[in-house]
Structures are given as C-alpha cells and as structure tokens.
C-alpha cells in the first residue's frame, strides 16, 4: 500500500512530484532532502516517520554531490557517523568542478 508524502514537504522536494512519491520507496531521498533543506518542524516529522537507523543509514551512505558540507558535517556529528574523507568529499555539492577527486 502506497504511503503518500505529506504536502508540507513540497518545499524540500521541489523538483519532484510528491503525489508520485512513496514514504517507503523514496525514503532515502526524502531523508536526505529533509536533512539538507528542512526546518525544525520537518525534522520533527522526519524522526516520527523514520527510525534513527534509517536516518543514520542515509548519512552513512551519502549520495554523490547532493549534500551541503556543513549539513553533512553536522549530521555526521549528531548521528556519530564517521565517513572516509573520499566518501565525504564526493558527497559534497559543489558549484565549481573538482578535478582529480
């Protein structure tokens, strides 16, 4: 059974059609976007919707080029996740290309 995404998350999922999303199928993306762009109310919702293990797994295995550096650093600290330098560097969103990485 499809679990719809609340409309209030539209602002952190602006480039997706949330009507087509599912809380379980799209949980990695939803967690990542809320951690990167969410406000306090979004974070409270996130911790009600997903387990700490689910949230920690998303931080532990960050997608390439989608995280703000300070945000990823914060969540690594808060969730006690240690990322290899290379993994962390690849996860950071950069406007200028980083050659040789």
N, C-alpha and C. Protein backbone atom coordinates (compact mmCIF):
# COMPACT_ATOMS: atom_id res chain seq x y z
N UNK A 1 0.83 -1.18 0.00
CA UNK A 1 0.00 0.00 0.00
C UNK A 1 0.88 1.25 0.00
N UNK A 2 0.59 2.17 -0.89
CA UNK A 2 1.37 3.39 -1.02
C UNK A 2 1.16 4.30 0.19
N UNK A 3 2.28 4.80 0.73
CA UNK A 3 2.24 5.76 1.83
C UNK A 3 2.59 7.13 1.26
N UNK A 4 1.61 8.03 1.14
CA UNK A 4 1.87 9.32 0.49
C UNK A 4 2.78 10.23 1.31
N UNK A 5 3.45 11.11 0.60
CA UNK A 5 4.33 12.10 1.21
C UNK A 5 3.48 13.31 1.59
N UNK A 6 3.62 13.81 2.80
CA UNK A 6 2.84 14.99 3.21
C UNK A 6 3.13 16.20 2.32
N UNK A 7 2.10 16.95 1.99
CA UNK A 7 2.24 18.12 1.15
C UNK A 7 3.19 19.16 1.70
N UNK A 8 3.33 19.20 3.01
CA UNK A 8 4.22 20.20 3.62
C UNK A 8 5.68 19.99 3.25
N UNK A 9 6.02 18.81 2.72
CA UNK A 9 7.41 18.55 2.33
C UNK A 9 7.71 19.01 0.91
N UNK A 10 6.71 19.59 0.26
CA UNK A 10 6.88 20.05 -1.12
C UNK A 10 8.07 21.02 -1.23
N UNK A 11 8.29 21.84 -0.22
CA UNK A 11 9.38 22.82 -0.31
C UNK A 11 10.76 22.21 -0.22
N UNK A 12 10.90 21.02 0.36
CA UNK A 12 12.22 20.35 0.37
C UNK A 12 12.34 19.34 -0.77
N UNK A 13 11.24 19.07 -1.42
CA UNK A 13 11.22 18.14 -2.56
C UNK A 13 10.70 18.86 -3.81
N UNK A 14 11.12 20.11 -3.97
CA UNK A 14 10.58 20.98 -5.01
C UNK A 14 10.72 20.44 -6.43
N UNK A 15 11.71 19.64 -6.71
CA UNK A 15 11.91 19.16 -8.09
C UNK A 15 11.29 17.78 -8.32
N UNK A 16 10.46 17.34 -7.41
CA UNK A 16 9.81 16.03 -7.52
C UNK A 16 8.30 16.20 -7.42
N UNK A 17 7.58 15.31 -8.05
CA UNK A 17 6.12 15.29 -7.93
C UNK A 17 5.80 14.43 -6.71
N UNK A 18 5.54 15.08 -5.60
CA UNK A 18 5.34 14.32 -4.36
C UNK A 18 4.10 13.44 -4.42
N UNK A 19 3.18 13.73 -5.34
CA UNK A 19 1.99 12.86 -5.48
C UNK A 19 2.38 11.48 -6.00
N UNK A 20 3.54 11.39 -6.66
CA UNK A 20 4.01 10.13 -7.21
C UNK A 20 4.99 9.42 -6.27
N UNK A 21 5.32 10.06 -5.17
CA UNK A 21 6.32 9.51 -4.25
C UNK A 21 5.66 8.67 -3.17
N UNK A 22 6.45 7.80 -2.60
CA UNK A 22 6.01 6.91 -1.53
C UNK A 22 7.00 7.02 -0.37
N UNK A 23 6.49 7.11 0.85
CA UNK A 23 7.36 7.27 2.01
C UNK A 23 8.38 6.14 2.16
N UNK A 24 8.00 4.94 1.81
CA UNK A 24 8.93 3.81 1.95
C UNK A 24 9.86 3.70 0.74
N UNK A 25 9.31 3.72 -0.45
CA UNK A 25 10.12 3.56 -1.67
C UNK A 25 11.13 4.69 -1.84
N UNK A 26 10.77 5.89 -1.44
CA UNK A 26 11.60 7.06 -1.65
C UNK A 26 12.23 7.58 -0.36
N UNK A 27 12.34 6.72 0.63
CA UNK A 27 12.79 7.20 1.94
C UNK A 27 14.19 7.78 1.93
N UNK A 28 15.10 7.21 1.17
CA UNK A 28 16.47 7.74 1.13
C UNK A 28 16.47 9.19 0.64
N UNK A 29 15.78 9.43 -0.44
CA UNK A 29 15.69 10.78 -1.00
C UNK A 29 14.99 11.74 -0.03
N UNK A 30 13.90 11.30 0.54
CA UNK A 30 13.13 12.14 1.47
C UNK A 30 13.99 12.51 2.67
N UNK A 31 14.65 11.52 3.26
CA UNK A 31 15.50 11.78 4.43
C UNK A 31 16.62 12.75 4.06
N UNK A 32 17.28 12.50 2.95
CA UNK A 32 18.38 13.35 2.51
C UNK A 32 17.92 14.79 2.31
N UNK A 33 16.80 14.98 1.65
CA UNK A 33 16.31 16.33 1.37
C UNK A 33 15.88 17.05 2.65
N UNK A 34 15.23 16.34 3.54
CA UNK A 34 14.81 16.97 4.80
C UNK A 34 16.04 17.35 5.63
N UNK A 35 17.04 16.48 5.69
CA UNK A 35 18.24 16.81 6.45
C UNK A 35 18.98 18.00 5.83
N UNK A 36 18.99 18.09 4.51
CA UNK A 36 19.69 19.17 3.82
C UNK A 36 18.93 20.50 3.86
N UNK A 37 17.61 20.45 3.70
CA UNK A 37 16.84 21.68 3.48
C UNK A 37 15.72 21.94 4.50
N UNK A 38 15.45 20.97 5.35
CA UNK A 38 14.31 21.10 6.23
C UNK A 38 14.51 22.08 7.38
N UNK A 39 13.39 22.48 7.93
CA UNK A 39 13.36 23.32 9.13
C UNK A 39 12.98 22.43 10.31
N UNK A 40 12.96 23.00 11.50
CA UNK A 40 12.72 22.24 12.71
C UNK A 40 11.47 21.36 12.62
N UNK A 41 10.37 21.89 12.13
CA UNK A 41 9.14 21.11 12.03
C UNK A 41 9.32 19.91 11.10
N UNK A 42 10.08 20.08 10.03
CA UNK A 42 10.35 18.98 9.11
C UNK A 42 11.18 17.89 9.79
N UNK A 43 12.15 18.32 10.58
CA UNK A 43 13.00 17.35 11.28
C UNK A 43 12.21 16.56 12.32
N UNK A 44 11.31 17.23 13.01
CA UNK A 44 10.47 16.52 13.99
C UNK A 44 9.61 15.49 13.26
N UNK A 45 9.05 15.87 12.12
CA UNK A 45 8.26 14.93 11.33
C UNK A 45 9.13 13.75 10.89
N UNK A 46 10.35 14.05 10.43
CA UNK A 46 11.26 13.02 9.92
C UNK A 46 11.51 11.94 10.98
N UNK A 47 11.75 12.37 12.21
CA UNK A 47 12.03 11.42 13.29
C UNK A 47 10.79 10.65 13.72
N UNK A 48 9.62 11.16 13.40
CA UNK A 48 8.39 10.39 13.65
C UNK A 48 8.13 9.39 12.53
N UNK A 49 8.50 9.78 11.31
CA UNK A 49 8.21 8.96 10.12
C UNK A 49 9.23 7.83 9.92
N UNK A 50 10.48 8.05 10.33
CA UNK A 50 11.55 7.08 10.09
C UNK A 50 12.32 6.80 11.37
N UNK A 51 12.93 5.63 11.40
CA UNK A 51 13.74 5.27 12.57
C UNK A 51 15.08 5.99 12.51
N UNK A 52 15.71 6.08 13.66
CA UNK A 52 17.05 6.68 13.71
C UNK A 52 18.01 5.86 12.86
N UNK A 53 17.81 4.56 12.79
CA UNK A 53 18.66 3.70 11.97
C UNK A 53 18.51 4.04 10.48
N UNK A 54 17.28 4.30 10.04
CA UNK A 54 17.05 4.69 8.64
C UNK A 54 17.77 6.00 8.34
N UNK A 55 17.62 6.96 9.23
CA UNK A 55 18.23 8.28 9.03
C UNK A 55 19.75 8.17 9.05
N UNK A 56 20.25 7.41 9.99
CA UNK A 56 21.70 7.21 10.10
C UNK A 56 22.26 6.52 8.85
N UNK A 57 21.52 5.57 8.29
CA UNK A 57 21.97 4.86 7.09
C UNK A 57 22.12 5.81 5.90
N UNK A 58 21.23 6.78 5.80
CA UNK A 58 21.32 7.75 4.71
C UNK A 58 22.56 8.61 4.86
N UNK A 59 22.89 8.99 6.08
CA UNK A 59 24.09 9.78 6.33
C UNK A 59 25.34 8.91 6.15
N UNK A 60 25.27 7.68 6.56
CA UNK A 60 26.41 6.76 6.46
C UNK A 60 26.76 6.44 5.00
N UNK A 61 25.75 6.49 4.11
CA UNK A 61 25.95 6.19 2.69
C UNK A 61 25.44 7.36 1.85
N UNK A 62 26.13 8.51 1.93
CA UNK A 62 25.64 9.71 1.26
C UNK A 62 25.73 9.60 -0.26
N UNK A 63 24.71 10.10 -0.92
CA UNK A 63 24.72 10.14 -2.38
C UNK A 63 25.73 11.18 -2.85
N UNK A 64 26.26 10.96 -4.01
CA UNK A 64 27.31 11.82 -4.55
C UNK A 64 26.77 13.19 -4.97
N UNK A 65 27.44 14.23 -4.50
CA UNK A 65 27.19 15.59 -4.95
C UNK A 65 25.88 16.23 -4.55
N UNK A 66 25.26 15.77 -3.47
CA UNK A 66 23.96 16.34 -3.09
C UNK A 66 23.92 16.95 -1.70
N UNK A 67 24.98 16.86 -0.94
CA UNK A 67 24.98 17.34 0.43
C UNK A 67 25.71 18.67 0.55
N UNK A 68 25.17 19.56 1.39
CA UNK A 68 25.91 20.75 1.76
C UNK A 68 26.95 20.32 2.79
N UNK A 69 28.16 20.83 2.66
CA UNK A 69 29.25 20.37 3.52
C UNK A 69 28.95 20.55 5.00
N UNK A 70 28.47 21.72 5.40
CA UNK A 70 28.19 21.96 6.82
C UNK A 70 27.05 21.09 7.33
N UNK A 71 26.08 20.83 6.47
CA UNK A 71 24.95 19.98 6.85
C UNK A 71 25.43 18.54 7.07
N UNK A 72 26.21 18.02 6.13
CA UNK A 72 26.71 16.66 6.27
C UNK A 72 27.61 16.54 7.50
N UNK A 73 28.46 17.52 7.73
CA UNK A 73 29.31 17.51 8.93
C UNK A 73 28.47 17.50 10.20
N UNK A 74 27.43 18.32 10.23
CA UNK A 74 26.55 18.38 11.39
C UNK A 74 25.89 17.03 11.66
N UNK A 75 25.31 16.43 10.62
CA UNK A 75 24.61 15.16 10.82
C UNK A 75 25.56 14.01 11.13
N UNK A 76 26.76 14.05 10.58
CA UNK A 76 27.75 13.04 10.96
C UNK A 76 28.07 13.15 12.45
N UNK A 77 28.22 14.37 12.93
CA UNK A 77 28.49 14.59 14.35
C UNK A 77 27.31 14.16 15.21
N UNK A 78 26.12 14.58 14.84
CA UNK A 78 24.93 14.29 15.64
C UNK A 78 24.61 12.79 15.69
N UNK A 79 24.85 12.10 14.57
CA UNK A 79 24.50 10.68 14.49
C UNK A 79 25.70 9.76 14.69
N UNK A 80 26.83 10.38 15.05
CA UNK A 80 28.06 9.61 15.31
C UNK A 80 28.45 8.72 14.13
N UNK A 81 28.49 9.35 12.96
CA UNK A 81 28.87 8.66 11.73
C UNK A 81 30.24 9.18 11.32
N UNK A 82 31.16 8.27 11.07
CA UNK A 82 32.49 8.65 10.58
C UNK A 82 32.58 8.22 9.12
N UNK A 83 32.75 9.18 8.26
CA UNK A 83 32.87 8.90 6.84
C UNK A 83 34.32 9.01 6.39
N UNK A 84 34.75 8.10 5.53
CA UNK A 84 36.09 8.27 4.95
C UNK A 84 36.13 9.60 4.19
N UNK A 85 37.27 10.25 4.21
CA UNK A 85 37.42 11.56 3.58
C UNK A 85 36.95 11.55 2.12
N UNK A 86 37.31 10.53 1.41
CA UNK A 86 36.94 10.45 -0.02
C UNK A 86 35.42 10.37 -0.19
N UNK A 87 34.76 9.62 0.64
CA UNK A 87 33.30 9.49 0.59
C UNK A 87 32.65 10.84 0.88
N UNK A 88 33.15 11.50 1.92
CA UNK A 88 32.61 12.81 2.30
C UNK A 88 32.82 13.82 1.19
N UNK A 89 34.00 13.86 0.62
CA UNK A 89 34.30 14.82 -0.45
C UNK A 89 33.39 14.61 -1.66
N UNK A 90 33.13 13.37 -2.00
CA UNK A 90 32.26 13.08 -3.15
C UNK A 90 30.80 13.42 -2.88
N UNK A 91 30.42 13.41 -1.64
CA UNK A 91 29.02 13.68 -1.28
C UNK A 91 28.69 15.17 -1.30
N UNK A 92 29.71 16.02 -1.21
CA UNK A 92 29.50 17.47 -1.10
C UNK A 92 29.08 18.05 -2.44
N UNK A 93 28.05 18.89 -2.38
CA UNK A 93 27.58 19.63 -3.55
C UNK A 93 28.53 20.79 -3.79
N UNK A 94 29.04 20.88 -5.02
CA UNK A 94 29.96 21.96 -5.37
C UNK A 94 29.53 22.58 -6.70
N UNK A 95 29.54 23.89 -6.74
CA UNK A 95 29.22 24.58 -7.99
C UNK A 95 30.37 24.52 -8.97
N UNK A 96 31.59 24.63 -8.45
CA UNK A 96 32.77 24.55 -9.31
C UNK A 96 33.25 23.10 -9.36
N UNK A 97 33.62 22.61 -10.54
CA UNK A 97 34.08 21.23 -10.63
C UNK A 97 35.37 21.01 -9.85
N UNK A 98 35.49 19.83 -9.28
CA UNK A 98 36.67 19.44 -8.53
C UNK A 98 37.40 18.37 -9.32
N UNK A 99 38.46 18.74 -10.01
CA UNK A 99 39.18 17.79 -10.84
C UNK A 99 40.15 16.97 -9.99
N UNK A 100 40.35 15.74 -10.37
CA UNK A 100 41.29 14.88 -9.69
C UNK A 100 40.78 14.26 -8.41
N UNK A 101 39.46 14.30 -8.19
CA UNK A 101 38.90 13.71 -6.96
C UNK A 101 38.11 12.50 -7.30
